[in-house]
Protein backbone atom coordinates (compact mmCIF):
# COMPACT_ATOMS: atom_id res chain seq x y z
CA MET A 1 -59.75 -145.64 83.37
CA THR A 2 -60.14 -144.79 79.84
CA ARG A 3 -59.09 -141.39 78.60
CA THR A 4 -60.48 -139.87 75.37
CA LEU A 5 -60.20 -136.48 73.55
CA ALA A 6 -63.93 -136.05 73.72
CA ARG A 7 -63.88 -133.38 76.51
CA ALA A 8 -65.95 -130.27 76.75
CA TRP A 9 -63.42 -127.55 76.25
CA ASP A 10 -64.81 -124.08 75.96
CA ASN A 11 -62.93 -122.70 72.90
CA ALA A 12 -60.87 -123.94 69.99
CA ASP A 13 -57.53 -122.88 71.51
CA ALA A 14 -58.09 -124.78 74.68
CA ARG A 15 -59.28 -127.79 72.67
CA ASN A 16 -56.07 -127.64 70.49
CA ARG A 17 -53.96 -127.41 73.50
CA GLY A 18 -55.67 -130.16 75.03
CA ALA A 19 -55.20 -132.34 71.99
CA ARG A 20 -51.40 -131.58 72.03
CA ARG A 21 -51.06 -132.22 75.80
CA VAL A 22 -52.86 -135.75 75.55
CA THR A 23 -50.86 -136.60 72.47
CA ALA A 24 -47.58 -135.64 74.15
CA GLU A 25 -48.62 -137.95 77.14
CA VAL A 26 -49.12 -140.90 74.81
CA PHE A 27 -45.71 -140.24 72.95
CA ARG A 28 -44.06 -140.08 76.34
CA ARG A 29 -45.64 -143.31 77.48
CA TYR A 30 -44.13 -145.25 74.49
CA MET A 31 -40.85 -143.30 74.97
CA LEU A 32 -41.10 -141.04 71.91
CA LYS A 33 -40.15 -137.51 71.92
CA PRO A 34 -43.10 -135.19 71.61
CA VAL A 35 -41.36 -132.72 69.37
CA GLY A 36 -40.97 -132.61 65.49
CA GLN A 37 -42.09 -135.64 63.36
CA PRO A 38 -44.11 -137.68 63.79
CA TYR A 39 -45.61 -135.73 66.76
CA ASP A 40 -46.64 -132.71 64.56
CA SER A 41 -48.24 -134.76 61.87
CA THR A 42 -50.19 -136.72 64.41
CA VAL A 43 -51.53 -133.46 66.01
CA VAL A 44 -52.37 -131.97 62.54
CA TYR A 45 -54.15 -135.19 61.81
CA ILE A 46 -56.14 -135.17 65.09
CA GLU A 47 -57.11 -131.76 64.78
CA ALA A 48 -58.29 -132.10 61.12
CA HIS A 49 -60.34 -135.40 61.83
CA TYR A 50 -61.49 -135.39 65.40
CA LEU A 51 -61.74 -131.90 66.71
CA VAL A 52 -65.01 -130.13 65.43
CA ASP A 53 -65.37 -126.44 65.81
């Protein structure tokens, strides 16, 4: 099963929460803490480049 961030979220807040949740899952999978850096900068990058309003 392949997971992507391309889901049909209804609004920007839900989309941003979804991006944070999925990013945290990836960080946990690789035993990284989903707080502080580099998590915050990763979420900012994803929101800026992949989430279109």
